[in-house]
Amino acid sequence: FKYEFFEKQEFVYSEGDCIEDIYFLHKGIAYFVLPIVKNYPYIKIEHGDHFGVIDIIGTQLEHDEGMLENWFENKNNLKRFFSVQASTTLECVKFSMSNLN
């Protein structure tokens, strides 16, 4: 686990990015945003929330890789489906997928 900080309006990650980390929000507020609609915020992320896991599930379902149990075998090919943007300064704890080797 490692702390990571983001400034207001900075993207934590964007749709299409490789999935490398899962985040736990320690301080601040972020949103899932829709870049196609000028980064319209639609899901609020607050202290204690985690985010980044849903992209793993989405990638598996989109590529019909079979059962979700196989996600680990494909972890280096996973892509983000969503974009998350800081609404305030953020302090996150991130868990790197590389720690699963």
N, C-alpha and C. Protein backbone atom coordinates (compact mmCIF):
# COMPACT_ATOMS: atom_id res chain seq x y z
N PHE A 1 0.84 -1.18 0.00
CA PHE A 1 0.00 0.00 0.00
C PHE A 1 0.89 1.24 0.00
N LYS A 2 0.43 2.27 -0.69
CA LYS A 2 1.21 3.49 -0.82
C LYS A 2 0.25 4.69 -0.88
N TYR A 3 0.64 5.79 -0.24
CA TYR A 3 -0.16 7.01 -0.32
C TYR A 3 0.09 7.70 -1.65
N GLU A 4 -0.99 8.27 -2.20
CA GLU A 4 -0.86 9.08 -3.42
C GLU A 4 -1.79 10.29 -3.27
N PHE A 5 -1.32 11.42 -3.75
CA PHE A 5 -2.06 12.66 -3.61
C PHE A 5 -2.42 13.20 -4.99
N PHE A 6 -3.60 13.82 -5.07
CA PHE A 6 -4.08 14.40 -6.32
C PHE A 6 -4.60 15.80 -6.03
N GLU A 7 -4.35 16.71 -6.95
CA GLU A 7 -4.84 18.09 -6.83
C GLU A 7 -6.27 18.17 -7.36
N LYS A 8 -6.97 19.21 -6.95
CA LYS A 8 -8.33 19.46 -7.42
C LYS A 8 -8.35 19.47 -8.95
N GLN A 9 -9.32 18.78 -9.54
CA GLN A 9 -9.55 18.65 -10.99
C GLN A 9 -8.60 17.66 -11.68
N GLU A 10 -7.63 17.14 -10.95
CA GLU A 10 -6.70 16.16 -11.54
C GLU A 10 -7.42 14.82 -11.69
N PHE A 11 -7.11 14.11 -12.77
CA PHE A 11 -7.68 12.78 -12.96
C PHE A 11 -6.86 11.75 -12.20
N VAL A 12 -7.54 10.90 -11.44
CA VAL A 12 -6.88 9.78 -10.78
C VAL A 12 -6.56 8.74 -11.86
N TYR A 13 -7.53 8.49 -12.71
CA TYR A 13 -7.34 7.67 -13.90
C TYR A 13 -8.43 8.00 -14.90
N SER A 14 -8.20 7.60 -16.15
CA SER A 14 -9.14 7.89 -17.23
C SER A 14 -9.50 6.62 -17.98
N GLU A 15 -10.65 6.66 -18.60
CA GLU A 15 -11.12 5.56 -19.43
C GLU A 15 -10.03 5.20 -20.44
N GLY A 16 -9.74 3.91 -20.56
CA GLY A 16 -8.72 3.45 -21.50
C GLY A 16 -7.35 3.23 -20.88
N ASP A 17 -7.10 3.82 -19.70
CA ASP A 17 -5.82 3.59 -19.00
C ASP A 17 -5.68 2.12 -18.62
N CYS A 18 -4.47 1.65 -18.52
CA CYS A 18 -4.22 0.31 -17.99
C CYS A 18 -4.57 0.30 -16.50
N ILE A 19 -5.12 -0.80 -16.04
CA ILE A 19 -5.45 -0.92 -14.63
C ILE A 19 -4.20 -1.39 -13.89
N GLU A 20 -3.68 -0.51 -13.06
CA GLU A 20 -2.47 -0.82 -12.30
C GLU A 20 -2.71 -0.77 -10.81
N ASP A 21 -3.77 -0.04 -10.38
CA ASP A 21 -3.98 0.18 -8.95
C ASP A 21 -5.47 0.17 -8.60
N ILE A 22 -5.74 -0.12 -7.34
CA ILE A 22 -7.05 0.03 -6.73
C ILE A 22 -6.87 1.07 -5.63
N TYR A 23 -7.84 1.97 -5.48
CA TYR A 23 -7.69 3.11 -4.58
C TYR A 23 -8.68 3.06 -3.41
N PHE A 24 -8.22 3.59 -2.29
CA PHE A 24 -9.04 3.78 -1.09
C PHE A 24 -8.92 5.25 -0.73
N LEU A 25 -10.06 5.95 -0.70
CA LEU A 25 -10.03 7.39 -0.45
C LEU A 25 -9.93 7.68 1.04
N HIS A 26 -8.85 8.36 1.42
CA HIS A 26 -8.61 8.70 2.82
C HIS A 26 -9.11 10.10 3.15
N LYS A 27 -8.86 11.06 2.25
CA LYS A 27 -9.31 12.44 2.46
C LYS A 27 -9.70 13.04 1.12
N GLY A 28 -10.76 13.85 1.15
CA GLY A 28 -11.19 14.57 -0.04
C GLY A 28 -12.44 13.96 -0.67
N ILE A 29 -12.79 14.52 -1.82
CA ILE A 29 -13.96 14.06 -2.57
C ILE A 29 -13.56 13.95 -4.05
N ALA A 30 -13.99 12.86 -4.65
CA ALA A 30 -13.77 12.64 -6.08
C ALA A 30 -15.09 12.19 -6.69
N TYR A 31 -15.12 12.15 -8.00
CA TYR A 31 -16.31 11.70 -8.72
C TYR A 31 -15.93 10.84 -9.90
N PHE A 32 -16.77 9.86 -10.20
CA PHE A 32 -16.75 9.25 -11.51
C PHE A 32 -17.34 10.32 -12.43
N VAL A 33 -16.67 10.60 -13.54
CA VAL A 33 -17.12 11.66 -14.44
C VAL A 33 -17.28 11.13 -15.86
N LEU A 34 -18.08 11.85 -16.63
CA LEU A 34 -18.31 11.51 -18.03
C LEU A 34 -17.54 12.51 -18.90
N PRO A 35 -16.36 12.13 -19.41
CA PRO A 35 -15.56 13.05 -20.23
C PRO A 35 -16.30 13.53 -21.47
N ILE A 36 -17.15 12.70 -22.03
CA ILE A 36 -17.88 13.07 -23.25
C ILE A 36 -18.88 14.21 -22.99
N VAL A 37 -19.21 14.44 -21.71
CA VAL A 37 -20.14 15.51 -21.32
C VAL A 37 -19.42 16.48 -20.39
N LYS A 38 -18.27 16.97 -20.84
CA LYS A 38 -17.47 17.97 -20.11
C LYS A 38 -17.20 17.56 -18.66
N ASN A 39 -16.84 16.29 -18.48
CA ASN A 39 -16.51 15.72 -17.15
C ASN A 39 -17.64 15.87 -16.14
N TYR A 40 -18.84 15.60 -16.62
CA TYR A 40 -20.02 15.67 -15.75
C TYR A 40 -19.89 14.62 -14.64
N PRO A 41 -19.97 15.05 -13.36
CA PRO A 41 -19.85 14.11 -12.23
C PRO A 41 -21.16 13.33 -12.03
N TYR A 42 -21.06 12.01 -11.86
CA TYR A 42 -22.28 11.23 -11.68
C TYR A 42 -22.27 10.27 -10.49
N ILE A 43 -21.11 9.94 -9.96
CA ILE A 43 -21.05 9.13 -8.73
C ILE A 43 -20.00 9.75 -7.82
N LYS A 44 -20.42 10.08 -6.61
CA LYS A 44 -19.53 10.71 -5.63
C LYS A 44 -18.71 9.65 -4.89
N ILE A 45 -17.44 9.94 -4.69
CA ILE A 45 -16.54 9.07 -3.93
C ILE A 45 -16.06 9.87 -2.72
N GLU A 46 -16.28 9.32 -1.52
CA GLU A 46 -15.96 10.03 -0.29
C GLU A 46 -15.02 9.21 0.60
N HIS A 47 -14.62 9.81 1.72
CA HIS A 47 -13.75 9.17 2.70
C HIS A 47 -14.25 7.75 3.01
N GLY A 48 -13.34 6.80 2.92
CA GLY A 48 -13.67 5.41 3.23
C GLY A 48 -14.11 4.59 2.03
N ASP A 49 -14.41 5.24 0.91
CA ASP A 49 -14.82 4.52 -0.29
C ASP A 49 -13.60 3.97 -1.02
N HIS A 50 -13.81 2.89 -1.75
CA HIS A 50 -12.76 2.35 -2.62
C HIS A 50 -13.26 2.44 -4.06
N PHE A 51 -12.33 2.51 -5.00
CA PHE A 51 -12.71 2.56 -6.41
C PHE A 51 -11.59 1.99 -7.25
N GLY A 52 -11.97 1.53 -8.43
CA GLY A 52 -11.02 0.93 -9.35
C GLY A 52 -11.26 -0.54 -9.59
N VAL A 53 -12.02 -1.17 -8.73
CA VAL A 53 -12.28 -2.62 -8.85
C VAL A 53 -13.26 -2.91 -9.98
N ILE A 54 -14.25 -2.04 -10.16
CA ILE A 54 -15.30 -2.30 -11.16
C ILE A 54 -14.73 -2.43 -12.56
N ASP A 55 -13.60 -1.78 -12.83
CA ASP A 55 -12.97 -1.89 -14.15
C ASP A 55 -12.46 -3.30 -14.42
N ILE A 56 -12.01 -3.98 -13.38
CA ILE A 56 -11.55 -5.37 -13.53
C ILE A 56 -12.71 -6.23 -13.98
N ILE A 57 -13.84 -6.07 -13.32
CA ILE A 57 -15.04 -6.85 -13.66
C ILE A 57 -15.51 -6.49 -15.07
N GLY A 58 -15.55 -5.20 -15.38
CA GLY A 58 -16.00 -4.76 -16.70
C GLY A 58 -15.15 -5.30 -17.83
N THR A 59 -13.85 -5.30 -17.65
CA THR A 59 -12.96 -5.83 -18.68
C THR A 59 -13.22 -7.31 -18.91
N GLN A 60 -13.40 -8.05 -17.85
CA GLN A 60 -13.66 -9.48 -17.98
C GLN A 60 -14.98 -9.74 -18.71
N LEU A 61 -15.99 -8.98 -18.39
CA LEU A 61 -17.30 -9.17 -19.02
C LEU A 61 -17.28 -8.75 -20.49
N GLU A 62 -16.59 -7.66 -20.80
CA GLU A 62 -16.54 -7.18 -22.17
C GLU A 62 -15.83 -8.17 -23.09
N HIS A 63 -14.76 -8.74 -22.62
CA HIS A 63 -13.98 -9.65 -23.45
C HIS A 63 -14.43 -11.09 -23.33
N ASP A 64 -15.47 -11.29 -22.55
CA ASP A 64 -16.03 -12.62 -22.36
C ASP A 64 -14.93 -13.65 -22.09
N GLU A 65 -14.07 -13.31 -21.16
CA GLU A 65 -12.93 -14.16 -20.83
C GLU A 65 -13.37 -15.40 -20.05
N GLY A 66 -14.64 -15.56 -19.88
CA GLY A 66 -15.12 -16.70 -19.10
C GLY A 66 -15.47 -16.23 -17.71
N MET A 67 -15.04 -16.96 -16.75
CA MET A 67 -15.39 -16.68 -15.37
C MET A 67 -14.51 -15.56 -14.81
N LEU A 68 -15.06 -14.80 -13.89
CA LEU A 68 -14.30 -13.72 -13.27
C LEU A 68 -13.10 -14.23 -12.49
N GLU A 69 -13.09 -15.51 -12.18
CA GLU A 69 -11.96 -16.08 -11.44
C GLU A 69 -10.66 -15.99 -12.25
N ASN A 70 -10.75 -15.81 -13.56
CA ASN A 70 -9.56 -15.77 -14.42
C ASN A 70 -8.96 -14.38 -14.57
N TRP A 71 -9.50 -13.39 -13.86
CA TRP A 71 -9.03 -12.02 -14.05
C TRP A 71 -7.53 -11.89 -13.76
N PHE A 72 -7.03 -12.67 -12.80
CA PHE A 72 -5.63 -12.54 -12.41
C PHE A 72 -4.69 -12.91 -13.56
N GLU A 73 -5.07 -13.91 -14.33
CA GLU A 73 -4.24 -14.33 -15.47
C GLU A 73 -4.14 -13.23 -16.52
N ASN A 74 -5.15 -12.37 -16.59
CA ASN A 74 -5.19 -11.31 -17.60
C ASN A 74 -4.91 -9.94 -17.03
N LYS A 75 -4.39 -9.86 -15.82
CA LYS A 75 -4.28 -8.57 -15.12
C LYS A 75 -3.41 -7.55 -15.85
N ASN A 76 -2.50 -7.98 -16.69
CA ASN A 76 -1.65 -7.03 -17.42
C ASN A 76 -2.32 -6.46 -18.66
N ASN A 77 -3.51 -6.97 -19.00
CA ASN A 77 -4.24 -6.50 -20.19
C ASN A 77 -5.52 -5.76 -19.83
N LEU A 78 -5.73 -5.48 -18.57
CA LEU A 78 -6.97 -4.85 -18.13
C LEU A 78 -6.95 -3.35 -18.42
N LYS A 79 -8.07 -2.82 -18.91
CA LYS A 79 -8.20 -1.40 -19.24
C LYS A 79 -9.34 -0.78 -18.43
N ARG A 80 -9.18 0.50 -18.10
CA ARG A 80 -10.21 1.24 -17.37
C ARG A 80 -11.42 1.51 -18.26
N PHE A 81 -12.60 1.38 -17.67
CA PHE A 81 -13.86 1.71 -18.34
C PHE A 81 -14.37 3.07 -17.92
N PHE A 82 -13.87 3.59 -16.81
CA PHE A 82 -14.40 4.80 -16.21
C PHE A 82 -13.28 5.81 -15.97
N SER A 83 -13.70 7.06 -15.74
CA SER A 83 -12.76 8.13 -15.39
C SER A 83 -13.12 8.65 -14.01
N VAL A 84 -12.10 8.89 -13.18
CA VAL A 84 -12.30 9.44 -11.83
C VAL A 84 -11.48 10.72 -11.73
N GLN A 85 -12.14 11.78 -11.26
CA GLN A 85 -11.51 13.10 -11.16
C GLN A 85 -11.67 13.64 -9.74
N ALA A 86 -10.61 14.27 -9.24
CA ALA A 86 -10.63 14.88 -7.91
C ALA A 86 -11.51 16.13 -7.94
N SER A 87 -12.40 16.23 -6.96
CA SER A 87 -13.23 17.43 -6.80
C SER A 87 -12.57 18.38 -5.80
N THR A 88 -11.79 17.80 -4.90
CA THR A 88 -10.98 18.54 -3.92
C THR A 88 -9.58 17.91 -3.96
N THR A 89 -8.68 18.42 -3.15
CA THR A 89 -7.39 17.72 -3.03
C THR A 89 -7.69 16.34 -2.43
N LEU A 90 -7.01 15.33 -2.94
CA LEU A 90 -7.26 13.97 -2.49
C LEU A 90 -6.02 13.37 -1.84
N GLU A 91 -6.28 12.55 -0.84
CA GLU A 91 -5.26 11.70 -0.26
C GLU A 91 -5.82 10.29 -0.35
N CYS A 92 -5.15 9.47 -1.13
CA CYS A 92 -5.60 8.10 -1.36
C CYS A 92 -4.54 7.11 -0.90
N VAL A 93 -5.00 5.95 -0.55
CA VAL A 93 -4.10 4.82 -0.35
C VAL A 93 -4.34 3.92 -1.55
N LYS A 94 -3.26 3.58 -2.24
CA LYS A 94 -3.44 2.73 -3.42
C LYS A 94 -2.77 1.38 -3.21
N PHE A 95 -3.43 0.40 -3.76
CA PHE A 95 -2.91 -0.96 -3.76
C PHE A 95 -2.53 -1.28 -5.19
N SER A 96 -1.28 -1.57 -5.42
CA SER A 96 -0.79 -1.83 -6.75
C SER A 96 -1.03 -3.29 -7.15
N MET A 97 -1.55 -3.47 -8.35
CA MET A 97 -1.80 -4.82 -8.87
C MET A 97 -0.49 -5.59 -8.99
N SER A 98 0.64 -4.90 -9.15
CA SER A 98 1.93 -5.58 -9.26
C SER A 98 2.29 -6.31 -7.97
N ASN A 99 1.66 -5.93 -6.86
CA ASN A 99 1.92 -6.62 -5.59
C ASN A 99 1.29 -8.00 -5.55
N LEU A 100 0.49 -8.35 -6.56
CA LEU A 100 -0.18 -9.64 -6.58
C LEU A 100 0.65 -10.73 -7.23
N ASN A 101 1.83 -10.39 -7.72
CA ASN A 101 2.68 -11.41 -8.38
C ASN A 101 3.16 -12.44 -7.40
